[in-house]
Amino acid sequence: MGGAYHSGGGKVSFYRRLSWDKPSPTVTTSPQQKATDMCQPVELRPLTVSESARIQTFPDDWVFYGSVTSKYKQIGNVVTVLLAKEIGVDLLNLMLGNQAKGKEVAEQLSLFSL
């Protein structure tokens, strides 16, 4: 952390080392923002575009276009791919009249029809 450790107020410009077996912090649109830098679990380096995309559950062959900054922004602005898929599947099932997965889900979704 260098001199930032002794600076007043909050700590800035530090890396958070990720763990192989714990959830990741939120992937932001810019890995260079203060206190949002995530470090690879083993190596002493920030995450690559590909590693950030993998955290967001993009398939490994997904293609991002634009500058590196634009790619990080695209990755940080998404709802995690697998979560979006599950929400879409549940909404489709509801539109088709299929039973919701559980009582709690049906009760929560019924709030939208008020």
PDB file of N, CA and C in Angstrom:
ATOM      1  N   MET A   1       0.819  -1.194   0.000  1.00  0.00           N
ATOM      2  CA  MET A   1       0.000   0.000   0.000  1.00  0.00           C
ATOM      3  C   MET A   1       0.861   1.256   0.000  1.00  0.00           C
ATOM      4  N   GLY A   2       2.095   1.120   0.303  1.00  0.00           N
ATOM      5  CA  GLY A   2       2.979   2.272   0.257  1.00  0.00           C
ATOM      6  C   GLY A   2       2.530   3.382   1.185  1.00  0.00           C
ATOM      7  N   GLY A   3       2.655   4.629   0.728  1.00  0.00           N
ATOM      8  CA  GLY A   3       2.301   5.795   1.521  1.00  0.00           C
ATOM      9  C   GLY A   3       0.821   5.922   1.800  1.00  0.00           C
ATOM     10  N   ALA A   4      -0.011   5.219   1.031  1.00  0.00           N
ATOM     11  CA  ALA A   4      -1.459   5.316   1.235  1.00  0.00           C
ATOM     12  C   ALA A   4      -1.862   4.811   2.615  1.00  0.00           C
ATOM     13  N   TYR A   5      -1.078   3.893   3.179  1.00  0.00           N
ATOM     14  CA  TYR A   5      -1.429   3.324   4.477  1.00  0.00           C
ATOM     15  C   TYR A   5      -1.427   4.391   5.565  1.00  0.00           C
ATOM     16  N   HIS A   6      -0.499   5.316   5.465  1.00  0.00           N
ATOM     17  CA  HIS A   6      -0.370   6.341   6.495  1.00  0.00           C
ATOM     18  C   HIS A   6      -1.125   7.619   6.158  1.00  0.00           C
ATOM     19  N   SER A   7      -1.783   7.650   5.011  1.00  0.00           N
ATOM     20  CA  SER A   7      -2.550   8.840   4.655  1.00  0.00           C
ATOM     21  C   SER A   7      -3.824   8.893   5.490  1.00  0.00           C
ATOM     22  N   GLY A   8      -4.366  10.069   5.658  1.00  0.00           N
ATOM     23  CA  GLY A   8      -5.589  10.214   6.445  1.00  0.00           C
ATOM     24  C   GLY A   8      -6.787   9.626   5.721  1.00  0.00           C
ATOM     25  N   GLY A   9      -7.829   9.350   6.465  1.00  0.00           N
ATOM     26  CA  GLY A   9      -9.063   8.854   5.872  1.00  0.00           C
ATOM     27  C   GLY A   9      -8.954   7.404   5.460  1.00  0.00           C
ATOM     28  N   GLY A  10      -9.729   7.045   4.451  1.00  0.00           N
ATOM     29  CA  GLY A  10      -9.776   5.655   3.991  1.00  0.00           C
ATOM     30  C   GLY A  10      -8.497   5.249   3.285  1.00  0.00           C
ATOM     31  N   LYS A  11      -8.305   3.976   3.192  1.00  0.00           N
ATOM     32  CA  LYS A  11      -7.127   3.450   2.499  1.00  0.00           C
ATOM     33  C   LYS A  11      -7.423   3.404   1.012  1.00  0.00           C
ATOM     34  N   VAL A  12      -6.473   3.822   0.207  1.00  0.00           N
ATOM     35  CA  VAL A  12      -6.689   3.901  -1.235  1.00  0.00           C
ATOM     36  C   VAL A  12      -5.647   3.078  -1.970  1.00  0.00           C
ATOM     37  N   SER A  13      -5.989   2.731  -3.200  1.00  0.00           N
ATOM     38  CA  SER A  13      -5.054   2.092  -4.123  1.00  0.00           C
ATOM     39  C   SER A  13      -4.462   0.802  -3.578  1.00  0.00           C
ATOM     40  N   PHE A  14      -5.296  -0.110  -3.116  1.00  0.00           N
ATOM     41  CA  PHE A  14      -4.792  -1.405  -2.681  1.00  0.00           C
ATOM     42  C   PHE A  14      -5.494  -2.498  -3.466  1.00  0.00           C
ATOM     43  N   TYR A  15      -4.866  -3.633  -3.525  1.00  0.00           N
ATOM     44  CA  TYR A  15      -5.424  -4.782  -4.219  1.00  0.00           C
ATOM     45  C   TYR A  15      -6.073  -5.725  -3.222  1.00  0.00           C
ATOM     46  N   ARG A  16      -7.166  -6.344  -3.635  1.00  0.00           N
ATOM     47  CA  ARG A  16      -7.797  -7.388  -2.838  1.00  0.00           C
ATOM     48  C   ARG A  16      -7.517  -8.704  -3.538  1.00  0.00           C
ATOM     49  N   ARG A  17      -6.779  -9.576  -2.865  1.00  0.00           N
ATOM     50  CA  ARG A  17      -6.461 -10.869  -3.469  1.00  0.00           C
ATOM     51  C   ARG A  17      -7.700 -11.751  -3.447  1.00  0.00           C
ATOM     52  N   LEU A  18      -8.050 -12.279  -4.608  1.00  0.00           N
ATOM     53  CA  LEU A  18      -9.208 -13.163  -4.716  1.00  0.00           C
ATOM     54  C   LEU A  18      -8.870 -14.541  -4.186  1.00  0.00           C
ATOM     55  N   SER A  19      -9.897 -15.268  -3.834  1.00  0.00           N
ATOM     56  CA  SER A  19      -9.748 -16.632  -3.346  1.00  0.00           C
ATOM     57  C   SER A  19     -10.362 -17.581  -4.360  1.00  0.00           C
ATOM     58  N   TRP A  20      -9.794 -18.776  -4.489  1.00  0.00           N
ATOM     59  CA  TRP A  20     -10.338 -19.776  -5.410  1.00  0.00           C
ATOM     60  C   TRP A  20     -11.696 -20.296  -4.940  1.00  0.00           C
ATOM     61  N   ASP A  21     -11.938 -20.271  -3.630  1.00  0.00           N
ATOM     62  CA  ASP A  21     -13.142 -20.921  -3.106  1.00  0.00           C
ATOM     63  C   ASP A  21     -14.104 -19.979  -2.384  1.00  0.00           C
ATOM     64  N   LYS A  22     -14.007 -18.671  -2.651  1.00  0.00           N
ATOM     65  CA  LYS A  22     -14.923 -17.707  -2.062  1.00  0.00           C
ATOM     66  C   LYS A  22     -15.463 -16.798  -3.165  1.00  0.00           C
ATOM     67  N   PRO A  23     -16.640 -16.220  -2.941  1.00  0.00           N
ATOM     68  CA  PRO A  23     -17.190 -15.315  -3.955  1.00  0.00           C
ATOM     69  C   PRO A  23     -16.287 -14.107  -4.190  1.00  0.00           C
ATOM     70  N   SER A  24     -16.337 -13.613  -5.387  1.00  0.00           N
ATOM     71  CA  SER A  24     -15.574 -12.425  -5.759  1.00  0.00           C
ATOM     72  C   SER A  24     -16.313 -11.168  -5.329  1.00  0.00           C
ATOM     73  N   PRO A  25     -15.572 -10.108  -5.016  1.00  0.00           N
ATOM     74  CA  PRO A  25     -16.246  -8.811  -4.851  1.00  0.00           C
ATOM     75  C   PRO A  25     -16.866  -8.401  -6.194  1.00  0.00           C
ATOM     76  N   THR A  26     -17.643  -7.368  -6.183  1.00  0.00           N
ATOM     77  CA  THR A  26     -18.269  -6.867  -7.400  1.00  0.00           C
ATOM     78  C   THR A  26     -17.212  -6.496  -8.430  1.00  0.00           C
ATOM     79  N   VAL A  27     -17.431  -6.926  -9.663  1.00  0.00           N
ATOM     80  CA  VAL A  27     -16.546  -6.548 -10.764  1.00  0.00           C
ATOM     81  C   VAL A  27     -17.015  -5.181 -11.244  1.00  0.00           C
ATOM     82  N   THR A  28     -16.140  -4.205 -11.200  1.00  0.00           N
ATOM     83  CA  THR A  28     -16.508  -2.840 -11.577  1.00  0.00           C
ATOM     84  C   THR A  28     -16.160  -2.569 -13.038  1.00  0.00           C
ATOM     85  N   THR A  29     -16.582  -1.418 -13.526  1.00  0.00           N
ATOM     86  CA  THR A  29     -16.341  -1.061 -14.925  1.00  0.00           C
ATOM     87  C   THR A  29     -14.914  -0.606 -15.171  1.00  0.00           C
ATOM     88  N   SER A  30     -14.184  -0.339 -14.130  1.00  0.00           N
ATOM     89  CA  SER A  30     -12.796   0.081 -14.276  1.00  0.00           C
ATOM     90  C   SER A  30     -11.979  -0.492 -13.132  1.00  0.00           C
ATOM     91  N   PRO A  31     -11.096  -1.436 -13.423  1.00  0.00           N
ATOM     92  CA  PRO A  31     -10.319  -2.045 -12.339  1.00  0.00           C
ATOM     93  C   PRO A  31      -9.323  -1.089 -11.694  1.00  0.00           C
ATOM     94  N   GLN A  32      -9.155   0.103 -12.248  1.00  0.00           N
ATOM     95  CA  GLN A  32      -8.211   1.057 -11.670  1.00  0.00           C
ATOM     96  C   GLN A  32      -8.855   2.024 -10.690  1.00  0.00           C
ATOM     97  N   GLN A  33     -10.155   1.882 -10.407  1.00  0.00           N
ATOM     98  CA  GLN A  33     -10.797   2.764  -9.439  1.00  0.00           C
ATOM     99  C   GLN A  33     -10.211   2.502  -8.056  1.00  0.00           C
ATOM    100  N   LYS A  34     -10.205   3.509  -7.223  1.00  0.00           N
ATOM    101  CA  LYS A  34      -9.663   3.362  -5.882  1.00  0.00           C
ATOM    102  C   LYS A  34     -10.362   2.235  -5.143  1.00  0.00           C
ATOM    103  N   ALA A  35      -9.585   1.383  -4.521  1.00  0.00           N
ATOM    104  CA  ALA A  35     -10.053   0.290  -3.660  1.00  0.00           C
ATOM    105  C   ALA A  35     -10.910  -0.742  -4.382  1.00  0.00           C
ATOM    106  N   THR A  36     -10.828  -0.814  -5.720  1.00  0.00           N
ATOM    107  CA  THR A  36     -11.584  -1.832  -6.447  1.00  0.00           C
ATOM    108  C   THR A  36     -10.659  -2.808  -7.163  1.00  0.00           C
ATOM    109  N   ASP A  37      -9.370  -2.601  -7.074  1.00  0.00           N
ATOM    110  CA  ASP A  37      -8.431  -3.484  -7.763  1.00  0.00           C
ATOM    111  C   ASP A  37      -8.468  -4.874  -7.150  1.00  0.00           C
ATOM    112  N   MET A  38      -8.639  -5.867  -8.011  1.00  0.00           N
ATOM    113  CA  MET A  38      -8.635  -7.250  -7.545  1.00  0.00           C
ATOM    114  C   MET A  38      -7.380  -7.923  -8.069  1.00  0.00           C
ATOM    115  N   CYS A  39      -6.746  -8.686  -7.217  1.00  0.00           N
ATOM    116  CA  CYS A  39      -5.496  -9.350  -7.532  1.00  0.00           C
ATOM    117  C   CYS A  39      -5.749 -10.835  -7.769  1.00  0.00           C
ATOM    118  N   GLN A  40      -5.053 -11.388  -8.733  1.00  0.00           N
ATOM    119  CA  GLN A  40      -5.154 -12.811  -9.053  1.00  0.00           C
ATOM    120  C   GLN A  40      -4.842 -13.632  -7.807  1.00  0.00           C
ATOM    121  N   PRO A  41      -5.517 -14.776  -7.589  1.00  0.00           N
ATOM    122  CA  PRO A  41      -5.355 -15.534  -6.343  1.00  0.00           C
ATOM    123  C   PRO A  41      -3.928 -16.003  -6.039  1.00  0.00           C
ATOM    124  N   VAL A  42      -3.138 -16.298  -7.051  1.00  0.00           N
ATOM    125  CA  VAL A  42      -1.801 -16.831  -6.802  1.00  0.00           C
ATOM    126  C   VAL A  42      -0.710 -15.862  -7.245  1.00  0.00           C
ATOM    127  N   GLU A  43      -0.876 -15.307  -8.426  1.00  0.00           N
ATOM    128  CA  GLU A  43       0.148 -14.415  -8.982  1.00  0.00           C
ATOM    129  C   GLU A  43      -0.039 -12.994  -8.467  1.00  0.00           C
ATOM    130  N   LEU A  44       1.039 -12.251  -8.423  1.00  0.00           N
ATOM    131  CA  LEU A  44       1.005 -10.876  -7.937  1.00  0.00           C
ATOM    132  C   LEU A  44       0.759  -9.939  -9.117  1.00  0.00           C
ATOM    133  N   ARG A  45      -0.518  -9.870  -9.547  1.00  0.00           N
ATOM    134  CA  ARG A  45      -0.887  -9.029 -10.679  1.00  0.00           C
ATOM    135  C   ARG A  45      -2.395  -8.816 -10.655  1.00  0.00           C
ATOM    136  N   PRO A  46      -2.833  -7.746 -11.334  1.00  0.00           N
ATOM    137  CA  PRO A  46      -4.281  -7.525 -11.429  1.00  0.00           C
ATOM    138  C   PRO A  46      -4.918  -8.536 -12.371  1.00  0.00           C
ATOM    139  N   LEU A  47      -6.235  -8.589 -12.367  1.00  0.00           N
ATOM    140  CA  LEU A  47      -6.962  -9.509 -13.238  1.00  0.00           C
ATOM    141  C   LEU A  47      -6.922  -9.033 -14.683  1.00  0.00           C
ATOM    142  N   THR A  48      -6.868  -9.983 -15.582  1.00  0.00           N
ATOM    143  CA  THR A  48      -6.949  -9.666 -17.003  1.00  0.00           C
ATOM    144  C   THR A  48      -8.413  -9.480 -17.394  1.00  0.00           C
ATOM    145  N   VAL A  49      -8.631  -9.013 -18.614  1.00  0.00           N
ATOM    146  CA  VAL A  49      -9.989  -8.904 -19.146  1.00  0.00           C
ATOM    147  C   VAL A  49     -10.655 -10.282 -19.124  1.00  0.00           C
ATOM    148  N   SER A  50      -9.938 -11.309 -19.559  1.00  0.00           N
ATOM    149  CA  SER A  50     -10.493 -12.666 -19.602  1.00  0.00           C
ATOM    150  C   SER A  50     -10.874 -13.171 -18.219  1.00  0.00           C
ATOM    151  N   GLU A  51     -10.046 -12.909 -17.229  1.00  0.00           N
ATOM    152  CA  GLU A  51     -10.343 -13.355 -15.864  1.00  0.00           C
ATOM    153  C   GLU A  51     -11.543 -12.616 -15.293  1.00  0.00           C
ATOM    154  N   SER A  52     -11.653 -11.334 -15.582  1.00  0.00           N
ATOM    155  CA  SER A  52     -12.819 -10.566 -15.132  1.00  0.00           C
ATOM    156  C   SER A  52     -14.089 -11.098 -15.787  1.00  0.00           C
ATOM    157  N   ALA A  53     -13.999 -11.425 -17.072  1.00  0.00           N
ATOM    158  CA  ALA A  53     -15.150 -11.980 -17.794  1.00  0.00           C
ATOM    159  C   ALA A  53     -15.549 -13.337 -17.219  1.00  0.00           C
ATOM    160  N   ARG A  54     -14.572 -14.128 -16.849  1.00  0.00           N
ATOM    161  CA  ARG A  54     -14.871 -15.449 -16.276  1.00  0.00           C
ATOM    162  C   ARG A  54     -15.610 -15.303 -14.947  1.00  0.00           C
ATOM    163  N   ILE A  55     -15.235 -14.314 -14.127  1.00  0.00           N
ATOM    164  CA  ILE A  55     -15.941 -14.070 -12.862  1.00  0.00           C
ATOM    165  C   ILE A  55     -17.404 -13.741 -13.137  1.00  0.00           C
ATOM    166  N   GLN A  56     -17.661 -13.016 -14.221  1.00  0.00           N
ATOM    167  CA  GLN A  56     -19.031 -12.648 -14.589  1.00  0.00           C
ATOM    168  C   GLN A  56     -19.732 -13.780 -15.344  1.00  0.00           C
ATOM    169  N   THR A  57     -19.108 -14.928 -15.413  1.00  0.00           N
ATOM    170  CA  THR A  57     -19.612 -16.172 -16.010  1.00  0.00           C
ATOM    171  C   THR A  57     -19.815 -16.106 -17.522  1.00  0.00           C
ATOM    172  N   PHE A  58     -19.071 -15.231 -18.206  1.00  0.00           N
ATOM    173  CA  PHE A  58     -19.068 -15.260 -19.667  1.00  0.00           C
ATOM    174  C   PHE A  58     -18.380 -16.535 -20.126  1.00  0.00           C
ATOM    175  N   PRO A  59     -18.831 -17.111 -21.241  1.00  0.00           N
ATOM    176  CA  PRO A  59     -18.100 -18.263 -21.801  1.00  0.00           C
ATOM    177  C   PRO A  59     -16.691 -17.823 -22.214  1.00  0.00           C
ATOM    178  N   ASP A  60     -15.739 -18.743 -22.160  1.00  0.00           N
ATOM    179  CA  ASP A  60     -14.358 -18.400 -22.494  1.00  0.00           C
ATOM    180  C   ASP A  60     -14.181 -17.913 -23.927  1.00  0.00           C
ATOM    181  N   ASP A  61     -15.083 -18.309 -24.833  1.00  0.00           N
ATOM    182  CA  ASP A  61     -14.938 -17.902 -26.237  1.00  0.00           C
ATOM    183  C   ASP A  61     -15.722 -16.626 -26.572  1.00  0.00           C
ATOM    184  N   TRP A  62     -16.281 -15.949 -25.560  1.00  0.00           N
ATOM    185  CA  TRP A  62     -17.023 -14.712 -25.796  1.00  0.00           C
ATOM    186  C   TRP A  62     -16.060 -13.639 -26.279  1.00  0.00           C
ATOM    187  N   VAL A  63     -16.458 -12.869 -27.274  1.00  0.00           N
ATOM    188  CA  VAL A  63     -15.590 -11.831 -27.842  1.00  0.00           C
ATOM    189  C   VAL A  63     -16.084 -10.459 -27.403  1.00  0.00           C
ATOM    190  N   PHE A  64     -15.191  -9.676 -26.848  1.00  0.00           N
ATOM    191  CA  PHE A  64     -15.464  -8.290 -26.492  1.00  0.00           C
ATOM    192  C   PHE A  64     -14.738  -7.409 -27.499  1.00  0.00           C
ATOM    193  N   TYR A  65     -15.369  -6.306 -27.885  1.00  0.00           N
ATOM    194  CA  TYR A  65     -14.771  -5.414 -28.877  1.00  0.00           C
ATOM    195  C   TYR A  65     -14.425  -4.085 -28.244  1.00  0.00           C
ATOM    196  N   GLY A  66     -13.453  -3.402 -28.835  1.00  0.00           N
ATOM    197  CA  GLY A  66     -13.056  -2.082 -28.384  1.00  0.00           C
ATOM    198  C   GLY A  66     -11.736  -2.106 -27.638  1.00  0.00           C
ATOM    199  N   SER A  67     -11.432  -0.994 -27.011  1.00  0.00           N
ATOM    200  CA  SER A  67     -10.190  -0.857 -26.251  1.00  0.00           C
ATOM    201  C   SER A  67     -10.261  -1.708 -24.989  1.00  0.00           C
ATOM    202  N   VAL A  68      -9.151  -1.857 -24.319  1.00  0.00           N
ATOM    203  CA  VAL A  68      -9.123  -2.610 -23.057  1.00  0.00           C
ATOM    204  C   VAL A  68     -10.053  -1.941 -22.047  1.00  0.00           C
ATOM    205  N   THR A  69     -10.033  -0.623 -21.999  1.00  0.00           N
ATOM    206  CA  THR A  69     -10.922   0.103 -21.090  1.00  0.00           C
ATOM    207  C   THR A  69     -12.377  -0.194 -21.412  1.00  0.00           C
ATOM    208  N   SER A  70     -12.710  -0.211 -22.701  1.00  0.00           N
ATOM    209  CA  SER A  70     -14.078  -0.514 -23.132  1.00  0.00           C
ATOM    210  C   SER A  70     -14.472  -1.937 -22.756  1.00  0.00           C
ATOM    211  N   LYS A  71     -13.553  -2.867 -22.865  1.00  0.00           N
ATOM    212  CA  LYS A  71     -13.842  -4.261 -22.511  1.00  0.00           C
ATOM    213  C   LYS A  71     -14.141  -4.404 -21.024  1.00  0.00           C
ATOM    214  N   TYR A  72     -13.321  -3.761 -20.187  1.00  0.00           N
ATOM    215  CA  TYR A  72     -13.583  -3.808 -18.743  1.00  0.00           C
ATOM    216  C   TYR A  72     -14.951  -3.183 -18.431  1.00  0.00           C
ATOM    217  N   LYS A  73     -15.292  -2.118 -19.131  1.00  0.00           N
ATOM    218  CA  LYS A  73     -16.583  -1.455 -18.913  1.00  0.00           C
ATOM    219  C   LYS A  73     -17.734  -2.371 -19.303  1.00  0.00           C
ATOM    220  N   GLN A  74     -17.612  -3.054 -20.441  1.00  0.00           N
ATOM    221  CA  GLN A  74     -18.653  -3.990 -20.874  1.00  0.00           C
ATOM    222  C   GLN A  74     -18.852  -5.093 -19.831  1.00  0.00           C
ATOM    223  N   ILE A  75     -17.763  -5.611 -19.306  1.00  0.00           N
ATOM    224  CA  ILE A  75     -17.820  -6.707 -18.335  1.00  0.00           C
ATOM    225  C   ILE A  75     -18.418  -6.234 -17.009  1.00  0.00           C
ATOM    226  N   GLY A  76     -18.033  -5.048 -16.561  1.00  0.00           N
ATOM    227  CA  GLY A  76     -18.507  -4.531 -15.285  1.00  0.00           C
ATOM    228  C   GLY A  76     -19.957  -4.086 -15.296  1.00  0.00           C
ATOM    229  N   ASN A  77     -20.506  -3.822 -16.478  1.00  0.00           N
ATOM    230  CA  ASN A  77     -21.880  -3.317 -16.574  1.00  0.00           C
ATOM    231  C   ASN A  77     -22.938  -4.403 -16.720  1.00  0.00           C
ATOM    232  N   VAL A  78     -22.567  -5.660 -16.645  1.00  0.00           N
ATOM    233  CA  VAL A  78     -23.549  -6.727 -16.862  1.00  0.00           C
ATOM    234  C   VAL A  78     -24.100  -7.270 -15.547  1.00  0.00           C
ATOM    235  N   VAL A  79     -25.275  -7.862 -15.660  1.00  0.00           N
ATOM    236  CA  VAL A  79     -25.746  -8.763 -14.616  1.00  0.00           C
ATOM    237  C   VAL A  79     -25.048 -10.079 -14.938  1.00  0.00           C
ATOM    238  N   THR A  80     -24.489 -10.743 -13.957  1.00  0.00           N
ATOM    239  CA  THR A  80     -23.758 -11.980 -14.193  1.00  0.00           C
ATOM    240  C   THR A  80     -24.556 -12.883 -15.138  1.00  0.00           C
ATOM    241  N   VAL A  81     -23.881 -13.418 -16.134  1.00  0.00           N
ATOM    242  CA  VAL A  81     -24.532 -14.160 -17.213  1.00  0.00           C
ATOM    243  C   VAL A  81     -25.425 -15.286 -16.695  1.00  0.00           C
ATOM    244  N   LEU A  82     -24.922 -16.101 -15.786  1.00  0.00           N
ATOM    245  CA  LEU A  82     -25.734 -17.221 -15.292  1.00  0.00           C
ATOM    246  C   LEU A  82     -26.940 -16.750 -14.490  1.00  0.00           C
ATOM    247  N   LEU A  83     -26.804 -15.657 -13.762  1.00  0.00           N
ATOM    248  CA  LEU A  83     -27.948 -15.104 -13.027  1.00  0.00           C
ATOM    249  C   LEU A  83     -28.992 -14.589 -14.014  1.00  0.00           C
ATOM    250  N   ALA A  84     -28.561 -13.863 -15.037  1.00  0.00           N
ATOM    251  CA  ALA A  84     -29.491 -13.357 -16.045  1.00  0.00           C
ATOM    252  C   ALA A  84     -30.220 -14.505 -16.735  1.00  0.00           C
ATOM    253  N   LYS A  85     -29.505 -15.589 -17.008  1.00  0.00           N
ATOM    254  CA  LYS A  85     -30.125 -16.755 -17.640  1.00  0.00           C
ATOM    255  C   LYS A  85     -31.217 -17.334 -16.742  1.00  0.00           C
ATOM    256  N   GLU A  86     -30.930 -17.508 -15.459  1.00  0.00           N
ATOM    257  CA  GLU A  86     -31.909 -18.078 -14.531  1.00  0.00           C
ATOM    258  C   GLU A  86     -33.144 -17.184 -14.409  1.00  0.00           C
ATOM    259  N   ILE A  87     -32.938 -15.887 -14.364  1.00  0.00           N
ATOM    260  CA  ILE A  87     -34.074 -14.960 -14.300  1.00  0.00           C
ATOM    261  C   ILE A  87     -34.914 -15.087 -15.570  1.00  0.00           C
ATOM    262  N   GLY A  88     -34.247 -15.151 -16.731  1.00  0.00           N
ATOM    263  CA  GLY A  88     -34.957 -15.304 -17.994  1.00  0.00           C
ATOM    264  C   GLY A  88     -35.749 -16.598 -18.065  1.00  0.00           C
ATOM    265  N   VAL A  89     -35.150 -17.694 -17.601  1.00  0.00           N
ATOM    266  CA  VAL A  89     -35.838 -18.995 -17.604  1.00  0.00           C
ATOM    267  C   VAL A  89     -37.069 -18.936 -16.698  1.00  0.00           C
ATOM    268  N   ASP A  90     -36.927 -18.344 -15.515  1.00  0.00           N
ATOM    269  CA  ASP A  90     -38.068 -18.239 -14.602  1.00  0.00           C
ATOM    270  C   ASP A  90     -39.180 -17.375 -15.186  1.00  0.00           C
ATOM    271  N   LEU A  91     -38.825 -16.259 -15.811  1.00  0.00           N
ATOM    272  CA  LEU A  91     -39.837 -15.395 -16.417  1.00  0.00           C
ATOM    273  C   LEU A  91     -40.546 -16.105 -17.565  1.00  0.00           C
ATOM    274  N   LEU A  92     -39.802 -16.829 -18.386  1.00  0.00           N
ATOM    275  CA  LEU A  92     -40.402 -17.583 -19.483  1.00  0.00           C
ATOM    276  C   LEU A  92     -41.368 -18.631 -18.950  1.00  0.00           C
ATOM    277  N   ASN A  93     -40.957 -19.352 -17.913  1.00  0.00           N
ATOM    278  CA  ASN A  93     -41.833 -20.360 -17.317  1.00  0.00           C
ATOM    279  C   ASN A  93     -43.115 -19.738 -16.771  1.00  0.00           C
ATOM    280  N   LEU A  94     -43.002 -18.566 -16.152  1.00  0.00           N
ATOM    281  CA  LEU A  94     -44.197 -17.886 -15.641  1.00  0.00           C
ATOM    282  C   LEU A  94     -45.122 -17.467 -16.787  1.00  0.00           C
ATOM    283  N   MET A  95     -44.536 -16.953 -17.882  1.00  0.00           N
ATOM    284  CA  MET A  95     -45.354 -16.552 -19.027  1.00  0.00           C
ATOM    285  C   MET A  95     -46.036 -17.752 -19.676  1.00  0.00           C
ATOM    286  N   LEU A  96     -45.396 -18.907 -19.618  1.00  0.00           N
ATOM    287  CA  LEU A  96     -45.981 -20.125 -20.188  1.00  0.00           C
ATOM    288  C   LEU A  96     -46.945 -20.807 -19.223  1.00  0.00           C
ATOM    289  N   GLY A  97     -47.084 -20.242 -18.026  1.00  0.00           N
ATOM    290  CA  GLY A  97     -48.008 -20.798 -17.045  1.00  0.00           C
ATOM    291  C   GLY A  97     -47.452 -21.967 -16.261  1.00  0.00           C
ATOM    292  N   ASN A  98     -46.158 -22.179 -16.325  1.00  0.00           N
ATOM    293  CA  ASN A  98     -45.540 -23.270 -15.568  1.00  0.00           C
ATOM    294  C   ASN A  98     -45.417 -22.886 -14.101  1.00  0.00           C
ATOM    295  N   GLN A  99     -45.388 -23.894 -13.255  1.00  0.00           N
ATOM    296  CA  GLN A  99     -45.280 -23.697 -11.811  1.00  0.00           C
ATOM    297  C   GLN A  99     -43.940 -23.054 -11.465  1.00  0.00           C
ATOM    298  N   ALA A 100     -43.968 -22.066 -10.572  1.00  0.00           N
ATOM    299  CA  ALA A 100     -42.735 -21.467 -10.067  1.00  0.00           C
ATOM    300  C   ALA A 100     -41.974 -22.497  -9.250  1.00  0.00           C
ATOM    301  N   LYS A 101     -40.683 -22.282  -9.051  1.00  0.00           N
ATOM    302  CA  LYS A 101     -39.831 -23.255  -8.375  1.00  0.00           C
ATOM    303  C   LYS A 101     -40.179 -23.452  -6.909  1.00  0.00           C
ATOM    304  N   GLY A 102     -40.770 -22.479  -6.279  1.00  0.00           N
ATOM    305  CA  GLY A 102     -41.081 -22.614  -4.860  1.00  0.00           C
ATOM    306  C   GLY A 102     -42.100 -21.586  -4.432  1.00  0.00           C
ATOM    307  N   LYS A 103     -42.672 -21.798  -3.277  1.00  0.00           N
ATOM    308  CA  LYS A 103     -43.701 -20.907  -2.757  1.00  0.00           C
ATOM    309  C   LYS A 103     -43.164 -19.483  -2.615  1.00  0.00           C
ATOM    310  N   GLU A 104     -41.933 -19.355  -2.101  1.00  0.00           N
ATOM    311  CA  GLU A 104     -41.364 -18.035  -1.880  1.00  0.00           C
ATOM    312  C   GLU A 104     -41.227 -17.279  -3.187  1.00  0.00           C
ATOM    313  N   VAL A 105     -40.805 -17.969  -4.231  1.00  0.00           N
ATOM    314  CA  VAL A 105     -40.637 -17.317  -5.538  1.00  0.00           C
ATOM    315  C   VAL A 105     -41.988 -16.822  -6.032  1.00  0.00           C
ATOM    316  N   ALA A 106     -43.022 -17.654  -5.949  1.00  0.00           N
ATOM    317  CA  ALA A 106     -44.360 -17.265  -6.424  1.00  0.00           C
ATOM    318  C   ALA A 106     -44.888 -16.077  -5.635  1.00  0.00           C
ATOM    319  N   GLU A 107     -44.676 -16.058  -4.325  1.00  0.00           N
ATOM    320  CA  GLU A 107     -45.155 -14.945  -3.519  1.00  0.00           C
ATOM    321  C   GLU A 107     -44.422 -13.660  -3.868  1.00  0.00           C
ATOM    322  N   GLN A 108     -43.121 -13.739  -4.081  1.00  0.00           N
ATOM    323  CA  GLN A 108     -42.356 -12.550  -4.426  1.00  0.00           C
ATOM    324  C   GLN A 108     -42.762 -12.012  -5.799  1.00  0.00           C
ATOM    325  N   LEU A 109     -42.942 -12.906  -6.759  1.00  0.00           N
ATOM    326  CA  LEU A 109     -43.295 -12.479  -8.100  1.00  0.00           C
ATOM    327  C   LEU A 109     -44.718 -11.931  -8.163  1.00  0.00           C
ATOM    328  N   SER A 110     -45.585 -12.363  -7.247  1.00  0.00           N
ATOM    329  CA  SER A 110     -46.951 -11.849  -7.253  1.00  0.00           C
ATOM    330  C   SER A 110     -46.993 -10.368  -6.896  1.00  0.00           C
ATOM    331  N   LEU A 111     -45.973  -9.847  -6.272  1.00  0.00           N
ATOM    332  CA  LEU A 111     -45.925  -8.422  -5.943  1.00  0.00           C
ATOM    333  C   LEU A 111     -45.901  -7.562  -7.199  1.00  0.00           C
ATOM    334  N   PHE A 112     -45.380  -8.099  -8.308  1.00  0.00           N
ATOM    335  CA  PHE A 112     -45.294  -7.326  -9.534  1.00  0.00           C
ATOM    336  C   PHE A 112     -46.661  -7.105 -10.178  1.00  0.00           C
ATOM    337  N   SER A 113     -47.658  -7.893  -9.831  1.00  0.00           N
ATOM    338  CA  SER A 113     -48.962  -7.764 -10.458  1.00  0.00           C
ATOM    339  C   SER A 113     -49.895  -6.834  -9.682  1.00  0.00           C
ATOM    340  N   LEU A 114     -49.374  -6.192  -8.642  1.00  0.00           N
ATOM    341  CA  LEU A 114     -50.227  -5.290  -7.840  1.00  0.00           C
ATOM    342  C   LEU A 114     -50.618  -4.061  -8.622  1.00  0.00           C
TER     343      LEU A 114
END
